[in-house]
Amino acid sequence: MCKKFRNVFTPTTANFDIRAIVDISISFGHGEEAQITGTSKLQEISKDDGNMSIVAFPSYHLAHSFHHIRKINFGGFDRLKVMFEMQSPIINRQLVTTQQQPLPLLPCLERLWVEHMNTLSHVWKCNNWNKFFILHKHQPQSSFQNLTYIYLLYCKSIKYLFSPLMSKLLSNLKTIYIIFCDGIEEIVSNRYDEDEVLIISTTTLFPHLDRLDLNGLRNLKHIGGGVAKGKTNVIHDQFKLSQVGVVSWSLCQYSTQIYIAGCHALSSVIPSYAAAQMHKLQNLSIHNCASMVEVFEIKEINNYGCSSNLDQGNITMHHELTNLKTLYISTCHLLEYIFTFSTLKSLKKLEELSIEKCKAMKVIVSEENGDESSKVVLPRLKSIKLDDLPNLVGFFLGVNIDFEFPSLDDVEISDCPQMMVFTSGESKAPKLECIQTWLGIHNLACGLNFHQTVQTCAVLLYKGVLGPFITWSDCIADVMTNLKILFHPKSC
């Protein structure tokens, strides 16, 4: 441990060329004022005090000294407040006097890892976004254009990751990984932006975003987003209407995989204004979110993020999950349902559905007013697992709705004591041989619904374990030694 360490180098005074450096990895102990890459104290933009912010990478150093940096690992500096200062007073004066075209900031940076920064308030901070974009316009390269991976760990004071205005720069972003940052309230937030910049079309935002991983963010209230030029679709009296103009966007609508755990202030994942824009999402996992009341938020049109002269009472938000393949939810005790009935129509690629340990869960699919379909087909759904749902009464209980599951071959139902009906209408699953239940194996001679009377229906608990499908031959081969329960109930 180098307790007296202060600087690695100071590019403004060093007489050697450091432009060949591609990786920076710094992990501090508890030094009082250690500095890296010419860290500087910059006057905080504040009206109430004269505190100074410590900036790791001022923009006038980024542009000239670290043009080829590809990886930055930074951790353990307790007094650091800003990682990247996007536009300093010094560079502003230089640009005004010299009128030189500014260089892009870290255009080659691919991976950013920041951890254990207890005083960090901003990863990116800009005094004037309008001026920044004007000054950097028409460049062959853009700032942070190759940033692919962002990892933020154990930074307890930061309240958001980046501004919506940064989204124009992060065109190659693939992964966002944030864990145990207690102060985080939003991932994308415009609360601190003084400038209103209308970003390009929503179709060009985050084209490569693959994974959004949020874990242990106990004060996270929204994933967040911004506004942009785009088109929004609403349903009015069964007709789809398109509006072009300023629409709201959410970061979650651009990710193919979303993993959320331990975010106890988060009440929903997909906001209503992103309902019709979720075509990229393929895998969604939500675990241990104490305040989660909806996975897919439903609100009135005035919260949708667009203006309309249509009668609000006749507008329905339809969530479009056309590429969703897997959904895993556990330990979200305020959730009463997962999907609305109208959402089912878009689940053409759903393959796996697992819901566990949700005490308030009543149905998987909730009924909506005006349901007109007589049949629902989930063509690719292969597996359904329902475990420890004490108030679950059925998969769907809407009247006169039939379900078809042509690919379903694995159903496990455990510790769901109130569930005696799978669906109120007829359900067909030609590949399904039996259902594993909390009592054992449910013979499909009774159908998917347990309430039908078939005198020959047997229920087995084999070895006390709900493993692969169990047949009579399995029991006989084991000489019945592990058979715990065998009975023929009057009603299945």
Protein backbone atom coordinates (compact mmCIF):
# COMPACT_ATOMS: atom_id res chain seq x y z
CA MET A 1 0.00 0.00 0.00
CA CYS A 2 1.44 3.35 -1.06
CA LYS A 3 -0.10 5.70 1.51
CA LYS A 4 1.72 8.80 0.22
CA PHE A 5 0.75 8.18 -3.42
CA ARG A 6 -0.62 11.29 -5.16
CA ASN A 7 -0.24 11.15 -8.97
CA VAL A 8 0.39 8.53 -11.66
CA PHE A 9 1.19 11.31 -14.13
CA THR A 10 0.02 14.80 -14.96
CA PRO A 11 -0.40 15.17 -18.73
CA THR A 12 -0.32 18.97 -18.62
CA THR A 13 3.25 18.97 -17.33
CA ALA A 14 4.70 15.59 -18.35
CA ASN A 15 7.28 15.69 -21.14
CA PHE A 16 6.62 12.21 -22.45
CA ASP A 17 4.07 10.84 -24.90
CA ILE A 18 1.34 8.72 -23.24
CA ARG A 19 -0.98 8.39 -26.20
CA ALA A 20 -0.11 4.70 -26.60
CA ILE A 21 -1.75 3.79 -23.26
CA VAL A 22 -4.85 1.65 -23.81
CA ASP A 23 -5.69 0.37 -20.29
CA ILE A 24 -5.90 2.17 -16.93
CA SER A 25 -6.54 0.26 -13.71
CA ILE A 26 -6.36 2.10 -10.39
CA SER A 27 -7.48 0.80 -7.00
CA PHE A 28 -6.98 3.15 -4.07
CA GLY A 29 -6.79 2.42 -0.40
CA HIS A 30 -7.72 5.21 1.97
CA GLY A 31 -5.29 7.90 0.81
CA GLU A 32 -6.61 11.35 1.59
CA GLU A 33 -6.08 13.17 -1.70
CA ALA A 34 -4.66 10.71 -4.19
CA GLN A 35 -4.92 11.80 -7.82
CA ILE A 36 -4.95 10.00 -11.15
CA THR A 37 -4.40 11.26 -14.66
CA GLY A 38 -4.12 14.80 -13.44
CA THR A 39 -7.31 14.74 -11.37
CA SER A 40 -8.35 18.27 -10.62
CA LYS A 41 -10.60 20.14 -8.28
CA LEU A 42 -13.41 21.79 -10.20
CA GLN A 43 -15.82 24.36 -8.79
CA GLU A 44 -19.14 22.61 -8.09
CA ILE A 45 -22.12 24.15 -9.89
CA SER A 46 -23.96 25.10 -6.76
CA LYS A 47 -25.58 28.22 -5.34
CA ASP A 48 -25.36 27.39 -1.68
CA ASP A 49 -21.71 26.58 -1.04
CA GLY A 50 -18.27 26.77 -2.48
CA ASN A 51 -17.36 23.09 -2.23
CA MET A 52 -14.94 21.75 -4.78
CA SER A 53 -15.60 18.58 -6.81
CA ILE A 54 -12.73 16.19 -7.44
CA VAL A 55 -12.84 15.09 -11.08
CA ALA A 56 -11.03 11.95 -12.23
CA PHE A 57 -10.91 12.77 -15.95
CA PRO A 58 -11.38 16.43 -16.91
CA SER A 59 -12.33 16.82 -20.57
CA TYR A 60 -9.19 18.80 -21.52
CA HIS A 61 -7.09 15.79 -20.42
CA LEU A 62 -9.39 13.23 -22.01
CA ALA A 63 -9.22 14.78 -25.45
CA HIS A 64 -5.48 15.20 -25.73
CA SER A 65 -3.90 12.53 -23.53
CA PHE A 66 -6.13 9.46 -23.54
CA HIS A 67 -7.49 9.27 -27.04
CA HIS A 68 -6.73 5.53 -27.36
CA ILE A 69 -7.78 4.29 -23.92
CA ARG A 70 -9.89 1.12 -24.19
CA LYS A 71 -10.40 0.04 -20.56
CA ILE A 72 -10.74 1.98 -17.33
CA ASN A 73 -10.98 0.27 -13.93
CA PHE A 74 -11.32 2.73 -11.10
CA GLY A 75 -12.07 2.05 -7.45
CA GLY A 76 -11.62 2.94 -3.82
CA PHE A 77 -11.19 6.73 -4.05
CA ASP A 78 -13.58 8.04 -1.38
CA ARG A 79 -13.30 11.74 -2.22
CA LEU A 80 -13.99 11.48 -5.95
CA LYS A 81 -17.27 13.08 -7.06
CA VAL A 82 -17.11 13.08 -10.88
CA MET A 83 -15.59 10.51 -13.22
CA PHE A 84 -15.86 12.32 -16.56
CA GLU A 85 -16.26 16.08 -16.69
CA MET A 86 -17.55 16.64 -20.20
CA GLN A 87 -16.91 20.36 -20.58
CA SER A 88 -14.74 22.47 -18.31
CA PRO A 89 -14.43 26.25 -18.08
CA ILE A 90 -10.85 25.93 -19.42
CA ILE A 91 -11.82 24.18 -22.62
CA ASN A 92 -14.73 26.60 -23.07
CA ARG A 93 -12.34 29.59 -23.05
CA GLN A 94 -9.98 27.84 -25.42
CA LEU A 95 -12.75 27.12 -27.88
CA VAL A 96 -14.10 30.63 -27.73
CA THR A 97 -10.71 32.20 -28.40
CA THR A 98 -9.22 29.72 -30.87
CA GLN A 99 -12.35 28.42 -32.59
CA GLN A 100 -10.62 25.05 -32.99
CA GLN A 101 -12.66 21.93 -33.55
CA PRO A 102 -12.60 19.97 -30.24
CA LEU A 103 -11.42 16.41 -30.16
CA PRO A 104 -13.88 13.65 -29.17
CA LEU A 105 -13.60 12.33 -25.62
CA LEU A 106 -12.43 8.73 -25.22
CA PRO A 107 -13.74 7.52 -28.60
CA CYS A 108 -11.95 4.16 -28.17
CA LEU A 109 -13.10 3.39 -24.62
CA GLU A 110 -14.83 -0.01 -24.55
CA ARG A 111 -15.10 -0.99 -20.89
CA LEU A 112 -15.73 1.13 -17.80
CA TRP A 113 -15.53 -0.43 -14.34
CA VAL A 114 -16.20 1.83 -11.31
CA GLU A 115 -16.46 0.45 -7.77
CA HIS A 116 -16.39 1.46 -4.11
CA MET A 117 -16.69 5.21 -4.74
CA ASN A 118 -18.67 6.37 -1.73
CA THR A 119 -18.81 10.07 -2.67
CA LEU A 120 -19.29 9.67 -6.43
CA SER A 121 -22.23 11.80 -7.61
CA HIS A 122 -21.76 11.68 -11.41
CA VAL A 123 -20.18 9.32 -13.88
CA TRP A 124 -20.68 11.94 -16.61
CA LYS A 125 -21.20 15.61 -15.86
CA CYS A 126 -21.68 18.40 -18.37
CA ASN A 127 -22.17 22.12 -17.72
CA ASN A 128 -23.95 22.76 -21.00
CA TRP A 129 -25.17 19.89 -23.16
CA ASN A 130 -26.37 22.17 -25.97
CA LYS A 131 -22.93 23.69 -26.36
CA PHE A 132 -21.26 20.29 -26.08
CA PHE A 133 -23.24 18.83 -28.99
CA ILE A 134 -22.82 21.97 -31.09
CA LEU A 135 -19.05 22.05 -30.58
CA HIS A 136 -18.68 18.33 -31.32
CA LYS A 137 -20.95 18.32 -34.35
CA HIS A 138 -19.75 16.87 -37.68
CA GLN A 139 -16.84 14.96 -36.16
CA PRO A 140 -15.68 11.71 -37.81
CA GLN A 141 -15.67 10.19 -34.32
CA SER A 142 -17.94 10.91 -31.38
CA SER A 143 -17.20 10.86 -27.68
CA PHE A 144 -17.56 7.45 -26.00
CA GLN A 145 -18.76 5.97 -29.30
CA ASN A 146 -17.23 2.54 -28.58
CA LEU A 147 -18.22 2.21 -24.93
CA THR A 148 -19.65 -1.30 -24.72
CA TYR A 149 -19.68 -2.35 -21.05
CA ILE A 150 -20.53 -0.27 -17.97
CA TYR A 151 -20.04 -1.78 -14.50
CA LEU A 152 -20.98 0.27 -11.43
CA LEU A 153 -20.55 -1.42 -8.05
CA TYR A 154 -20.88 -0.28 -4.44
CA CYS A 155 -21.16 3.45 -5.11
CA LYS A 156 -23.64 4.50 -2.45
CA SER A 157 -24.10 8.22 -3.21
CA ILE A 158 -24.74 8.33 -6.95
CA LYS A 159 -28.44 8.80 -7.84
CA TYR A 160 -28.44 7.96 -11.55
CA LEU A 161 -26.07 6.57 -14.17
CA PHE A 162 -26.46 8.95 -17.09
CA SER A 163 -28.63 11.66 -18.56
CA PRO A 164 -30.96 10.96 -21.51
CA LEU A 165 -28.72 13.32 -23.45
CA MET A 166 -25.85 10.83 -23.16
CA SER A 167 -27.85 8.26 -25.10
CA LYS A 168 -26.87 9.96 -28.35
CA LEU A 169 -23.23 9.05 -27.59
CA LEU A 170 -23.67 5.48 -26.33
CA SER A 171 -24.55 3.91 -29.66
CA ASN A 172 -22.47 0.74 -29.05
CA LEU A 173 -23.49 0.08 -25.45
CA LYS A 174 -24.19 -3.62 -24.85
CA THR A 175 -24.18 -4.19 -21.08
CA ILE A 176 -25.14 -2.16 -18.02
CA TYR A 177 -24.34 -3.85 -14.72
CA ILE A 178 -25.15 -2.02 -11.46
CA ILE A 179 -25.08 -3.67 -8.03
CA PHE A 180 -25.44 -2.42 -4.46
CA CYS A 181 -25.53 1.30 -5.19
CA ASP A 182 -27.89 2.38 -2.43
CA GLY A 183 -28.41 5.92 -3.69
CA ILE A 184 -29.50 4.99 -7.22
CA GLU A 185 -33.09 6.15 -7.87
CA GLU A 186 -33.08 5.96 -11.69
CA ILE A 187 -30.73 4.52 -14.25
CA VAL A 188 -31.48 7.27 -16.78
CA SER A 189 -32.60 10.62 -15.39
CA ASN A 190 -33.03 14.18 -16.66
CA ARG A 191 -33.64 15.66 -13.22
CA TYR A 192 -30.31 17.47 -13.26
CA ASP A 193 -30.34 18.58 -16.90
CA GLU A 194 -30.78 22.32 -17.32
CA ASP A 195 -30.81 22.05 -21.12
CA GLU A 196 -33.58 20.56 -23.22
CA VAL A 197 -32.08 18.74 -26.20
CA LEU A 198 -34.36 16.79 -28.50
CA ILE A 199 -32.54 13.59 -29.40
CA ILE A 200 -32.74 11.86 -32.76
CA SER A 201 -35.35 9.23 -33.57
CA THR A 202 -36.06 6.56 -30.97
CA THR A 203 -35.22 3.89 -33.54
CA THR A 204 -31.54 4.85 -33.40
CA LEU A 205 -31.13 4.65 -29.62
CA PHE A 206 -29.08 1.82 -28.08
CA PRO A 207 -29.14 -0.45 -31.15
CA HIS A 208 -26.82 -3.01 -29.52
CA LEU A 209 -28.00 -3.03 -25.88
CA ASP A 210 -28.15 -6.65 -24.78
CA ARG A 211 -28.20 -6.86 -20.98
CA LEU A 212 -29.50 -4.64 -18.20
CA ASP A 213 -28.52 -6.10 -14.82
CA LEU A 214 -29.71 -4.30 -11.66
CA ASN A 215 -29.08 -5.92 -8.30
CA GLY A 216 -29.38 -4.62 -4.74
CA LEU A 217 -30.54 -1.10 -5.68
CA ARG A 218 -32.90 -0.68 -2.74
CA ASN A 219 -33.91 2.91 -3.60
CA LEU A 220 -34.41 2.40 -7.35
CA LYS A 221 -37.84 3.83 -8.24
CA HIS A 222 -37.71 3.88 -12.05
CA ILE A 223 -35.43 2.55 -14.74
CA GLY A 224 -35.94 5.85 -16.50
CA GLY A 225 -35.57 7.22 -20.00
CA GLY A 226 -36.16 10.43 -21.92
CA VAL A 227 -37.96 12.01 -24.86
CA ALA A 228 -37.19 11.81 -28.56
CA LYS A 229 -38.66 12.04 -32.02
CA GLY A 230 -40.69 8.97 -32.77
CA LYS A 231 -44.03 7.30 -33.38
CA THR A 232 -46.41 5.96 -30.76
CA ASN A 233 -49.35 3.62 -31.25
CA VAL A 234 -52.53 3.62 -29.19
CA ILE A 235 -55.72 1.59 -29.44
CA HIS A 236 -59.00 3.47 -29.68
CA ASP A 237 -62.27 1.64 -30.25
CA GLN A 238 -60.35 -1.32 -31.73
CA PHE A 239 -58.46 0.84 -34.25
CA LYS A 240 -54.71 1.42 -34.05
CA LEU A 241 -53.76 5.06 -34.39
CA SER A 242 -50.22 6.32 -34.94
CA GLN A 243 -48.92 9.67 -33.80
CA VAL A 244 -45.58 11.15 -34.83
CA GLY A 245 -43.89 13.71 -32.61
CA VAL A 246 -42.21 13.82 -29.23
CA VAL A 247 -42.56 10.53 -27.38
CA SER A 248 -41.18 9.14 -24.17
CA TRP A 249 -38.74 6.23 -24.18
CA SER A 250 -37.50 3.91 -21.48
CA LEU A 251 -34.08 2.26 -21.32
CA CYS A 252 -35.78 -1.10 -20.75
CA GLN A 253 -37.35 -1.08 -24.24
CA TYR A 254 -33.91 -1.39 -25.87
CA SER A 255 -32.50 -4.34 -23.91
CA THR A 256 -32.86 -7.97 -24.95
CA GLN A 257 -32.19 -9.25 -21.41
CA ILE A 258 -33.27 -7.65 -18.13
CA TYR A 259 -32.30 -9.01 -14.71
CA ILE A 260 -33.60 -7.23 -11.60
CA ALA A 261 -33.13 -8.35 -7.99
CA GLY A 262 -33.35 -6.71 -4.58
CA CYS A 263 -34.80 -3.43 -5.89
CA HIS A 264 -37.32 -2.91 -3.11
CA ALA A 265 -38.62 0.54 -4.13
CA LEU A 266 -39.38 -0.46 -7.73
CA SER A 267 -43.14 -0.78 -8.26
CA SER A 268 -43.05 -1.83 -11.93
CA VAL A 269 -40.51 -2.69 -14.62
CA ILE A 270 -42.00 -1.75 -17.99
CA PRO A 271 -43.63 1.71 -17.92
CA SER A 272 -46.92 2.25 -19.69
CA TYR A 273 -45.41 4.63 -22.25
CA ALA A 274 -43.11 1.84 -23.43
CA ALA A 275 -45.95 -0.70 -23.69
CA ALA A 276 -45.97 -0.92 -27.47
CA GLN A 277 -42.17 -0.67 -27.84
CA MET A 278 -40.94 -3.84 -26.13
CA HIS A 279 -40.13 -5.82 -29.28
CA LYS A 280 -36.45 -6.39 -28.35
CA LEU A 281 -37.01 -7.98 -24.94
CA GLN A 282 -36.27 -11.73 -24.92
CA ASN A 283 -35.43 -12.67 -21.32
CA LEU A 284 -36.84 -11.09 -18.17
CA SER A 285 -35.98 -12.11 -14.59
CA ILE A 286 -37.30 -10.35 -11.47
CA HIS A 287 -36.46 -11.48 -7.95
CA ASN A 288 -37.05 -10.19 -4.44
CA CYS A 289 -38.64 -6.81 -5.18
CA ALA A 290 -40.78 -5.95 -2.17
CA SER A 291 -42.77 -3.07 -3.73
CA MET A 292 -43.41 -4.63 -7.14
CA VAL A 293 -47.16 -4.42 -7.88
CA GLU A 294 -47.02 -4.70 -11.68
CA VAL A 295 -44.44 -6.09 -14.05
CA PHE A 296 -45.99 -4.32 -17.03
CA GLU A 297 -47.41 -1.00 -15.91
CA ILE A 298 -50.90 0.10 -16.95
CA LYS A 299 -51.83 3.78 -16.72
CA GLU A 300 -54.09 6.31 -18.34
CA ILE A 301 -53.09 8.12 -21.49
CA ASN A 302 -51.97 11.26 -19.67
CA ASN A 303 -49.01 9.31 -18.35
CA TYR A 304 -48.21 7.71 -21.65
CA GLY A 305 -45.81 10.36 -22.77
CA CYS A 306 -47.79 11.70 -25.74
CA SER A 307 -50.63 14.14 -26.24
CA SER A 308 -53.95 13.12 -27.72
CA ASN A 309 -57.43 14.51 -28.29
CA LEU A 310 -58.94 11.04 -27.96
CA ASP A 311 -61.32 10.17 -25.16
CA GLN A 312 -59.08 8.85 -22.42
CA GLY A 313 -61.66 6.40 -21.20
CA ASN A 314 -61.57 4.44 -24.47
CA ILE A 315 -57.79 4.03 -24.79
CA THR A 316 -56.11 0.76 -23.87
CA MET A 317 -52.38 0.15 -23.56
CA HIS A 318 -51.36 -3.09 -25.26
CA HIS A 319 -47.99 -4.46 -24.24
CA GLU A 320 -46.16 -5.88 -27.23
CA LEU A 321 -43.80 -8.67 -26.11
CA THR A 322 -43.38 -10.28 -29.49
CA ASN A 323 -39.87 -11.67 -28.81
CA LEU A 324 -40.14 -12.55 -25.12
CA LYS A 325 -38.81 -16.11 -24.63
CA THR A 326 -38.33 -16.57 -20.88
CA LEU A 327 -39.92 -15.00 -17.82
CA TYR A 328 -38.79 -15.81 -14.28
CA ILE A 329 -40.31 -14.09 -11.25
CA SER A 330 -39.81 -14.93 -7.57
CA THR A 331 -40.35 -13.39 -4.13
CA CYS A 332 -42.41 -10.39 -5.22
CA HIS A 333 -45.12 -10.56 -2.59
CA LEU A 334 -47.35 -7.69 -3.82
CA LEU A 335 -47.82 -9.06 -7.34
CA GLU A 336 -51.36 -10.31 -7.96
CA TYR A 337 -50.97 -11.13 -11.66
CA ILE A 338 -48.31 -11.08 -14.41
CA PHE A 339 -49.99 -10.42 -17.77
CA THR A 340 -53.22 -8.78 -18.83
CA PHE A 341 -55.29 -10.78 -21.29
CA SER A 342 -54.53 -8.41 -24.18
CA THR A 343 -50.79 -9.05 -23.73
CA LEU A 344 -51.21 -12.78 -24.42
CA LYS A 345 -51.75 -12.15 -28.11
CA SER A 346 -48.16 -10.94 -28.47
CA LEU A 347 -46.51 -13.87 -26.62
CA LYS A 348 -45.91 -15.92 -29.76
CA LYS A 349 -42.30 -16.77 -28.80
CA LEU A 350 -42.66 -17.34 -25.06
CA GLU A 351 -41.00 -20.68 -24.15
CA GLU A 352 -40.55 -20.73 -20.37
CA LEU A 353 -42.65 -19.26 -17.58
CA SER A 354 -41.65 -19.63 -13.92
CA ILE A 355 -43.41 -17.92 -11.01
CA GLU A 356 -42.32 -18.69 -7.44
CA LYS A 357 -42.86 -17.44 -3.90
CA CYS A 358 -45.29 -14.58 -4.62
CA LYS A 359 -47.76 -14.54 -1.73
CA ALA A 360 -50.40 -12.25 -3.29
CA MET A 361 -50.45 -13.92 -6.72
CA LYS A 362 -54.05 -14.81 -7.65
CA VAL A 363 -53.89 -15.49 -11.39
CA ILE A 364 -51.12 -15.48 -13.95
CA VAL A 365 -53.27 -13.71 -16.55
CA SER A 366 -55.81 -11.13 -15.41
CA GLU A 367 -59.16 -10.64 -17.09
CA GLU A 368 -59.89 -7.37 -18.89
CA ASN A 369 -63.15 -5.71 -19.81
CA GLY A 370 -64.07 -6.23 -23.43
CA ASP A 371 -62.21 -9.51 -23.97
CA GLU A 372 -63.57 -10.75 -27.30
CA SER A 373 -61.24 -13.60 -28.24
CA SER A 374 -62.65 -17.07 -27.75
CA LYS A 375 -59.27 -18.82 -28.02
CA VAL A 376 -55.65 -18.10 -27.12
CA VAL A 377 -52.73 -19.99 -28.67
CA LEU A 378 -49.26 -19.89 -27.10
CA PRO A 379 -47.42 -21.80 -29.85
CA ARG A 380 -43.90 -22.07 -28.32
CA LEU A 381 -44.57 -22.29 -24.59
CA LYS A 382 -42.77 -25.46 -23.42
CA SER A 383 -42.52 -25.12 -19.65
CA ILE A 384 -44.70 -23.70 -16.86
CA LYS A 385 -43.52 -23.74 -13.24
CA LEU A 386 -45.74 -22.43 -10.44
CA ASP A 387 -44.30 -22.85 -6.95
CA ASP A 388 -45.24 -21.59 -3.47
CA LEU A 389 -48.12 -19.35 -4.55
CA PRO A 390 -50.51 -19.70 -1.60
CA ASN A 391 -53.30 -17.55 -3.10
CA LEU A 392 -53.11 -18.66 -6.73
CA VAL A 393 -56.51 -19.87 -7.92
CA GLY A 394 -55.75 -20.43 -11.60
CA PHE A 395 -53.74 -19.58 -14.68
CA PHE A 396 -56.64 -17.62 -16.18
CA LEU A 397 -60.27 -17.53 -15.04
CA GLY A 398 -61.91 -15.45 -17.76
CA VAL A 399 -65.20 -16.84 -19.05
CA ASN A 400 -65.40 -18.84 -22.29
CA ILE A 401 -61.76 -18.55 -23.27
CA ASP A 402 -60.04 -21.68 -24.57
CA PHE A 403 -56.27 -22.15 -24.50
CA GLU A 404 -54.00 -24.16 -26.78
CA PHE A 405 -50.42 -25.06 -25.84
CA PRO A 406 -49.11 -27.08 -28.81
CA SER A 407 -45.49 -27.23 -27.51
CA LEU A 408 -46.13 -27.55 -23.75
CA ASP A 409 -44.50 -30.69 -22.32
CA ASP A 410 -43.48 -29.68 -18.78
CA VAL A 411 -45.80 -28.35 -16.07
CA GLU A 412 -44.82 -28.22 -12.40
CA ILE A 413 -47.25 -26.96 -9.74
CA SER A 414 -46.05 -26.99 -6.13
CA ASP A 415 -47.48 -25.49 -2.95
CA CYS A 416 -50.44 -23.80 -4.62
CA PRO A 417 -53.20 -25.04 -2.26
CA GLN A 418 -55.96 -22.79 -3.67
CA MET A 419 -55.43 -23.80 -7.28
CA MET A 420 -58.03 -26.32 -8.46
CA VAL A 421 -58.64 -24.88 -11.95
CA PHE A 422 -55.99 -24.16 -14.57
CA THR A 423 -58.32 -22.23 -16.89
CA SER A 424 -62.08 -21.79 -16.83
CA GLY A 425 -62.39 -22.80 -20.47
CA GLU A 426 -60.95 -25.78 -22.31
CA SER A 427 -57.17 -26.14 -22.45
CA LYS A 428 -55.34 -28.36 -24.92
CA ALA A 429 -51.70 -29.46 -24.59
CA PRO A 430 -51.18 -32.46 -26.91
CA LYS A 431 -47.52 -33.02 -25.89
CA LEU A 432 -48.14 -32.88 -22.15
CA GLU A 433 -48.33 -36.31 -20.49
CA CYS A 434 -48.96 -35.27 -16.91
CA ILE A 435 -48.61 -32.39 -14.45
CA GLN A 436 -46.27 -32.43 -11.49
CA THR A 437 -48.20 -31.07 -8.51
CA TRP A 438 -47.53 -30.49 -4.83
CA LEU A 439 -49.25 -33.84 -4.20
CA GLY A 440 -47.46 -35.62 -6.99
CA ILE A 441 -48.39 -36.44 -10.56
CA HIS A 442 -51.68 -35.28 -12.06
CA ASN A 443 -52.82 -37.71 -14.76
CA LEU A 444 -54.04 -35.81 -17.80
CA ALA A 445 -56.96 -38.16 -18.17
CA CYS A 446 -58.49 -35.48 -15.97
CA GLY A 447 -57.43 -32.69 -18.30
CA LEU A 448 -55.47 -29.60 -17.25
CA ASN A 449 -58.19 -28.65 -14.78
CA PHE A 450 -58.24 -30.50 -11.48
CA HIS A 451 -61.96 -30.08 -10.73
CA GLN A 452 -63.21 -32.55 -13.35
CA THR A 453 -64.41 -35.89 -11.93
CA VAL A 454 -62.54 -38.95 -13.16
CA GLN A 455 -62.62 -41.93 -10.80
CA THR A 456 -59.43 -43.47 -12.19
CA CYS A 457 -57.21 -40.42 -11.67
CA ALA A 458 -54.20 -41.27 -9.49
CA VAL A 459 -52.05 -38.78 -7.59
CA LEU A 460 -48.51 -39.79 -6.61
CA LEU A 461 -45.77 -38.31 -4.49
CA TYR A 462 -42.70 -40.20 -5.53
CA LYS A 463 -39.61 -40.08 -3.31
CA GLY A 464 -40.94 -36.81 -1.98
CA VAL A 465 -39.32 -35.08 -4.97
CA LEU A 466 -40.93 -33.45 -7.99
CA GLY A 467 -38.39 -34.47 -10.59
CA PRO A 468 -38.82 -35.71 -14.16
CA PHE A 469 -42.20 -37.15 -15.11
CA ILE A 470 -42.97 -40.31 -13.10
CA THR A 471 -44.82 -43.32 -14.45
CA TRP A 472 -46.19 -46.47 -12.88
CA SER A 473 -43.21 -48.39 -14.30
CA ASP A 474 -40.86 -46.09 -12.38
CA CYS A 475 -42.62 -46.96 -9.16
CA ILE A 476 -42.66 -50.70 -9.83
CA ALA A 477 -39.00 -50.71 -10.82
CA ASP A 478 -38.19 -49.22 -7.45
CA VAL A 479 -40.19 -51.98 -5.75
CA MET A 480 -42.52 -49.32 -4.36
CA THR A 481 -40.09 -48.68 -1.52
CA ASN A 482 -40.09 -44.93 -2.03
CA LEU A 483 -43.80 -44.51 -2.71
CA LYS A 484 -45.10 -42.16 -0.01
CA ILE A 485 -48.69 -41.40 -1.05
CA LEU A 486 -51.05 -43.29 -3.30
CA PHE A 487 -54.74 -42.52 -3.47
CA HIS A 488 -57.58 -42.23 -5.94
CA PRO A 489 -59.50 -39.05 -5.16
CA LYS A 490 -63.11 -38.72 -6.19
CA SER A 491 -62.30 -35.41 -7.81
CA CYS A 492 -59.12 -34.41 -9.56
